[in-house]
Amino acid sequence: MIKLEGLSKQDVQICSLLWNCDTLAAVDAMVSAMPPAYKQRAQVMRELMIAAQLDTVEDVDANVQALLQRISAG
């Protein structure tokens, strides 16, 4: 689960809408269908969500590598 901090109420609503999409194509379609006033912010939120997810994967990868090193050293 990703966590983004410091978001406005509108940002949280946009992220909730994006998070509930089943596919990346659905996310893209939702962002494209948004009014111009929301579209740019939705694009930013989508990118933040992707970056946060990548950070989570990198953290897991680092933990797995550390565990493997302990196992091989042990």
N, C-alpha and C. Protein backbone atom coordinates (compact mmCIF):
# COMPACT_ATOMS: atom_id res chain seq x y z
N MET A 1 0.84 -1.18 0.00
CA MET A 1 0.00 0.00 0.00
C MET A 1 0.89 1.24 0.00
N ILE A 2 0.58 2.16 -0.87
CA ILE A 2 1.36 3.40 -0.92
C ILE A 2 0.74 4.44 -0.02
N LYS A 3 1.56 5.40 0.37
CA LYS A 3 1.08 6.48 1.22
C LYS A 3 1.63 7.80 0.69
N LEU A 4 0.74 8.72 0.40
CA LEU A 4 1.12 10.06 -0.02
C LEU A 4 0.67 11.03 1.06
N GLU A 5 1.56 11.91 1.45
CA GLU A 5 1.24 12.85 2.51
C GLU A 5 1.14 14.27 1.96
N GLY A 6 0.40 15.11 2.68
CA GLY A 6 0.31 16.52 2.33
C GLY A 6 -0.62 16.83 1.17
N LEU A 7 -1.54 15.91 0.88
CA LEU A 7 -2.46 16.12 -0.23
C LEU A 7 -3.66 16.95 0.20
N SER A 8 -4.17 17.73 -0.72
CA SER A 8 -5.40 18.47 -0.46
C SER A 8 -6.58 17.51 -0.52
N LYS A 9 -7.73 17.96 -0.08
CA LYS A 9 -8.94 17.14 -0.14
C LYS A 9 -9.24 16.73 -1.59
N GLN A 10 -9.06 17.66 -2.51
CA GLN A 10 -9.28 17.37 -3.93
C GLN A 10 -8.29 16.33 -4.43
N ASP A 11 -7.03 16.45 -4.03
CA ASP A 11 -6.02 15.47 -4.42
C ASP A 11 -6.39 14.07 -3.94
N VAL A 12 -6.86 13.98 -2.70
CA VAL A 12 -7.26 12.69 -2.14
C VAL A 12 -8.41 12.10 -2.94
N GLN A 13 -9.37 12.94 -3.32
CA GLN A 13 -10.50 12.46 -4.11
C GLN A 13 -10.03 11.95 -5.47
N ILE A 14 -9.14 12.69 -6.10
CA ILE A 14 -8.60 12.27 -7.40
C ILE A 14 -7.86 10.95 -7.25
N CYS A 15 -7.02 10.83 -6.24
CA CYS A 15 -6.26 9.59 -6.03
C CYS A 15 -7.20 8.41 -5.78
N SER A 16 -8.25 8.64 -5.04
CA SER A 16 -9.22 7.56 -4.80
C SER A 16 -9.85 7.09 -6.10
N LEU A 17 -10.22 8.04 -6.94
CA LEU A 17 -10.79 7.68 -8.25
C LEU A 17 -9.79 6.87 -9.08
N LEU A 18 -8.55 7.33 -9.11
CA LEU A 18 -7.53 6.65 -9.90
C LEU A 18 -7.22 5.27 -9.33
N TRP A 19 -7.15 5.17 -8.00
CA TRP A 19 -6.81 3.91 -7.35
C TRP A 19 -7.87 2.84 -7.62
N ASN A 20 -9.11 3.26 -7.77
CA ASN A 20 -10.20 2.31 -7.99
C ASN A 20 -10.28 1.80 -9.42
N CYS A 21 -9.48 2.33 -10.32
CA CYS A 21 -9.45 1.83 -11.69
C CYS A 21 -8.77 0.47 -11.72
N ASP A 22 -9.26 -0.40 -12.59
CA ASP A 22 -8.72 -1.76 -12.68
C ASP A 22 -7.47 -1.88 -13.54
N THR A 23 -7.31 -0.98 -14.49
CA THR A 23 -6.17 -1.06 -15.41
C THR A 23 -5.58 0.32 -15.63
N LEU A 24 -4.37 0.33 -16.16
CA LEU A 24 -3.73 1.59 -16.51
C LEU A 24 -4.51 2.30 -17.61
N ALA A 25 -5.09 1.51 -18.52
CA ALA A 25 -5.92 2.10 -19.58
C ALA A 25 -7.13 2.80 -18.99
N ALA A 26 -7.71 2.23 -17.94
CA ALA A 26 -8.85 2.85 -17.28
C ALA A 26 -8.43 4.15 -16.59
N VAL A 27 -7.23 4.15 -16.00
CA VAL A 27 -6.70 5.38 -15.38
C VAL A 27 -6.53 6.45 -16.45
N ASP A 28 -5.91 6.08 -17.55
CA ASP A 28 -5.69 7.04 -18.64
C ASP A 28 -7.01 7.58 -19.17
N ALA A 29 -8.00 6.71 -19.32
CA ALA A 29 -9.32 7.14 -19.81
C ALA A 29 -9.98 8.09 -18.83
N MET A 30 -9.86 7.79 -17.53
CA MET A 30 -10.47 8.66 -16.52
C MET A 30 -9.82 10.04 -16.53
N VAL A 31 -8.50 10.06 -16.59
CA VAL A 31 -7.78 11.34 -16.60
C VAL A 31 -8.16 12.13 -17.86
N SER A 32 -8.23 11.47 -18.99
CA SER A 32 -8.58 12.14 -20.24
C SER A 32 -9.99 12.72 -20.21
N ALA A 33 -10.89 12.06 -19.48
CA ALA A 33 -12.28 12.50 -19.42
C ALA A 33 -12.51 13.63 -18.41
N MET A 34 -11.53 13.92 -17.60
CA MET A 34 -11.70 14.96 -16.57
C MET A 34 -11.72 16.34 -17.19
N PRO A 35 -12.44 17.26 -16.54
CA PRO A 35 -12.41 18.65 -17.02
C PRO A 35 -10.99 19.21 -16.91
N PRO A 36 -10.66 20.18 -17.75
CA PRO A 36 -9.30 20.74 -17.75
C PRO A 36 -8.81 21.19 -16.37
N ALA A 37 -9.70 21.69 -15.54
CA ALA A 37 -9.31 22.17 -14.22
C ALA A 37 -8.79 21.03 -13.33
N TYR A 38 -9.21 19.81 -13.59
CA TYR A 38 -8.79 18.65 -12.80
C TYR A 38 -7.74 17.80 -13.51
N LYS A 39 -7.70 17.86 -14.82
CA LYS A 39 -6.87 16.96 -15.61
C LYS A 39 -5.39 17.08 -15.25
N GLN A 40 -4.87 18.29 -15.18
CA GLN A 40 -3.45 18.47 -14.88
C GLN A 40 -3.12 17.93 -13.49
N ARG A 41 -3.98 18.21 -12.53
CA ARG A 41 -3.74 17.72 -11.17
C ARG A 41 -3.82 16.20 -11.12
N ALA A 42 -4.75 15.62 -11.87
CA ALA A 42 -4.89 14.17 -11.93
C ALA A 42 -3.64 13.54 -12.53
N GLN A 43 -3.06 14.18 -13.53
CA GLN A 43 -1.82 13.67 -14.13
C GLN A 43 -0.69 13.68 -13.10
N VAL A 44 -0.63 14.75 -12.31
CA VAL A 44 0.39 14.85 -11.27
C VAL A 44 0.17 13.76 -10.22
N MET A 45 -1.08 13.56 -9.81
CA MET A 45 -1.39 12.54 -8.80
C MET A 45 -1.04 11.15 -9.33
N ARG A 46 -1.33 10.89 -10.61
CA ARG A 46 -0.99 9.60 -11.21
C ARG A 46 0.52 9.37 -11.14
N GLU A 47 1.29 10.38 -11.48
CA GLU A 47 2.75 10.26 -11.45
C GLU A 47 3.26 10.06 -10.02
N LEU A 48 2.67 10.76 -9.06
CA LEU A 48 3.08 10.59 -7.66
C LEU A 48 2.77 9.17 -7.18
N MET A 49 1.61 8.66 -7.59
CA MET A 49 1.23 7.30 -7.20
C MET A 49 2.19 6.28 -7.80
N ILE A 50 2.58 6.47 -9.03
CA ILE A 50 3.54 5.57 -9.68
C ILE A 50 4.89 5.64 -8.97
N ALA A 51 5.35 6.85 -8.67
CA ALA A 51 6.64 7.02 -7.99
C ALA A 51 6.61 6.39 -6.60
N ALA A 52 5.52 6.57 -5.88
CA ALA A 52 5.40 5.97 -4.55
C ALA A 52 5.42 4.45 -4.63
N GLN A 53 4.76 3.91 -5.64
CA GLN A 53 4.76 2.45 -5.82
C GLN A 53 6.16 1.94 -6.16
N LEU A 54 6.88 2.68 -6.99
CA LEU A 54 8.25 2.28 -7.33
C LEU A 54 9.14 2.32 -6.09
N ASP A 55 8.96 3.32 -5.23
CA ASP A 55 9.72 3.39 -3.99
C ASP A 55 9.45 2.17 -3.12
N THR A 56 8.20 1.72 -3.08
CA THR A 56 7.82 0.55 -2.30
C THR A 56 8.53 -0.69 -2.85
N VAL A 57 8.56 -0.82 -4.16
CA VAL A 57 9.23 -1.97 -4.79
C VAL A 57 10.72 -1.94 -4.49
N GLU A 58 11.33 -0.76 -4.56
CA GLU A 58 12.76 -0.64 -4.28
C GLU A 58 13.05 -1.00 -2.82
N ASP A 59 12.19 -0.59 -1.89
CA ASP A 59 12.36 -0.93 -0.48
C ASP A 59 12.29 -2.43 -0.28
N VAL A 60 11.34 -3.08 -0.91
CA VAL A 60 11.20 -4.53 -0.80
C VAL A 60 12.44 -5.20 -1.39
N ASP A 61 12.89 -4.72 -2.55
CA ASP A 61 14.07 -5.29 -3.19
C ASP A 61 15.29 -5.17 -2.28
N ALA A 62 15.47 -4.03 -1.65
CA ALA A 62 16.61 -3.84 -0.76
C ALA A 62 16.51 -4.79 0.44
N ASN A 63 15.31 -4.98 0.98
CA ASN A 63 15.12 -5.89 2.11
C ASN A 63 15.41 -7.33 1.71
N VAL A 64 14.97 -7.73 0.52
CA VAL A 64 15.22 -9.08 0.03
C VAL A 64 16.72 -9.29 -0.17
N GLN A 65 17.39 -8.32 -0.74
CA GLN A 65 18.83 -8.44 -0.96
C GLN A 65 19.58 -8.57 0.37
N ALA A 66 19.18 -7.79 1.37
CA ALA A 66 19.82 -7.87 2.68
C ALA A 66 19.59 -9.24 3.31
N LEU A 67 18.38 -9.76 3.17
CA LEU A 67 18.07 -11.09 3.71
C LEU A 67 18.90 -12.16 3.02
N LEU A 68 19.01 -12.08 1.70
CA LEU A 68 19.80 -13.07 0.95
C LEU A 68 21.28 -13.01 1.36
N GLN A 69 21.78 -11.82 1.61
CA GLN A 69 23.17 -11.69 2.04
C GLN A 69 23.37 -12.33 3.41
N ARG A 70 22.42 -12.14 4.31
CA ARG A 70 22.52 -12.74 5.65
C ARG A 70 22.47 -14.27 5.55
N ILE A 71 21.61 -14.76 4.68
CA ILE A 71 21.47 -16.21 4.52
C ILE A 71 22.76 -16.79 3.94
N SER A 72 23.31 -16.14 2.91
CA SER A 72 24.53 -16.67 2.27
C SER A 72 25.74 -16.54 3.19
N ALA A 73 25.76 -15.56 4.08
CA ALA A 73 26.87 -15.37 5.00
C ALA A 73 26.78 -16.32 6.19
N GLY A 74 25.57 -16.78 6.48
CA GLY A 74 25.31 -17.53 7.70
C GLY A 74 25.70 -18.93 7.66
